[in-house]
Protein backbone atom coordinates (compact mmCIF):
# COMPACT_ATOMS: atom_id res chain seq x y z
CA LYS A 1 0.06 0.01 0.00
CA ASP A 2 2.84 2.37 0.85
CA ILE A 3 4.96 1.30 -2.02
CA GLU A 4 5.27 3.49 -5.11
CA PHE A 5 6.93 2.62 -8.38
CA ILE A 6 8.52 5.64 -10.13
CA ARG A 7 10.25 5.70 -13.50
CA SER A 8 11.81 8.96 -14.43
CA TYR A 9 13.19 10.06 -17.84
CA TYR A 10 16.06 12.58 -17.98
CA PHE A 11 17.83 14.60 -20.78
CA ASN A 12 20.92 16.59 -19.96
CA LYS A 13 20.38 15.99 -16.21
CA LEU A 14 16.85 17.44 -16.39
CA GLU A 15 13.86 15.32 -15.65
CA TYR A 16 11.40 15.92 -18.43
CA THR A 17 8.68 13.17 -17.51
CA ARG A 18 7.90 10.66 -14.88
CA PHE A 19 5.56 7.76 -14.33
CA SER A 20 4.28 7.36 -10.72
CA SER A 21 2.16 4.27 -9.69
CA SER A 22 0.32 6.48 -7.14
CA VAL A 23 -0.74 8.95 -9.84
CA GLY A 24 -1.31 6.13 -12.42
CA LYS A 25 -0.03 8.11 -15.42
CA HIS A 26 2.95 10.00 -16.86
CA VAL A 27 3.52 13.57 -15.80
CA GLY A 28 5.51 16.08 -17.71
CA PHE A 29 7.88 18.62 -16.13
CA THR A 30 9.16 20.51 -19.29
CA GLU A 31 7.27 21.76 -22.22
CA ARG A 32 8.50 18.80 -24.34
CA GLY A 33 7.91 16.44 -21.41
CA VAL A 34 4.21 17.48 -21.16
CA LYS A 35 3.66 16.68 -24.80
CA ILE A 36 5.55 13.30 -24.53
CA ALA A 37 3.52 12.47 -21.32
CA ALA A 38 0.19 13.36 -23.07
CA ASP A 39 1.06 11.00 -25.90
CA TRP A 40 2.11 8.13 -23.59
CA ASN A 41 -1.03 8.56 -21.48
CA LYS A 42 -3.18 8.02 -24.58
CA ASP A 43 -1.79 4.49 -24.99
CA ALA A 44 -3.86 2.30 -22.67
CA SER A 45 -1.54 -0.71 -23.07
CA LEU A 46 1.54 1.26 -22.07
CA LEU A 47 -0.27 2.53 -18.97
CA SER A 48 -1.33 -0.91 -18.06
CA ALA A 49 2.23 -2.19 -18.44
CA MET A 50 3.71 0.61 -16.31
CA LYS A 51 1.15 -0.06 -13.60
CA ALA A 52 2.20 -3.71 -13.61
CA GLN A 53 5.76 -2.77 -12.97
CA LYS A 54 4.89 -1.96 -9.30
CA GLU A 55 4.02 -5.57 -8.81
CA VAL A 56 6.98 -6.95 -10.79
CA TYR A 57 9.71 -4.81 -9.22
CA CYS A 58 8.33 -3.71 -5.85
CA LEU A 59 5.79 -6.13 -4.39
CA ASN A 60 7.71 -9.23 -5.42
CA HIS A 61 10.93 -8.00 -3.84
CA ILE A 62 9.77 -6.13 -0.71
CA GLN A 63 9.99 -9.21 1.57
CA ILE A 64 13.50 -9.94 0.50
CA GLU A 65 14.57 -6.36 0.96
CA TYR A 66 12.79 -6.05 4.21
CA SER A 67 14.43 -9.28 5.65
CA ASN A 68 17.93 -8.06 4.39
CA MET A 69 17.47 -4.89 6.44
CA LEU A 70 16.63 -6.82 9.59
């Protein structure tokens, strides 16, 4: 519940767009990033795939990471 998957995209050390599982879509931070995010958000299959990444990367590994910390 408290886990969030974030994938950020950078160009020249400037973040231009980001996908956040808590928001459920891509968000742009620059003029170009806003346009790219809008295009990516129109693709339902891409959004579904990105939302599934939370389970693939986060939920499947949290118990391993948690036990390693203890």
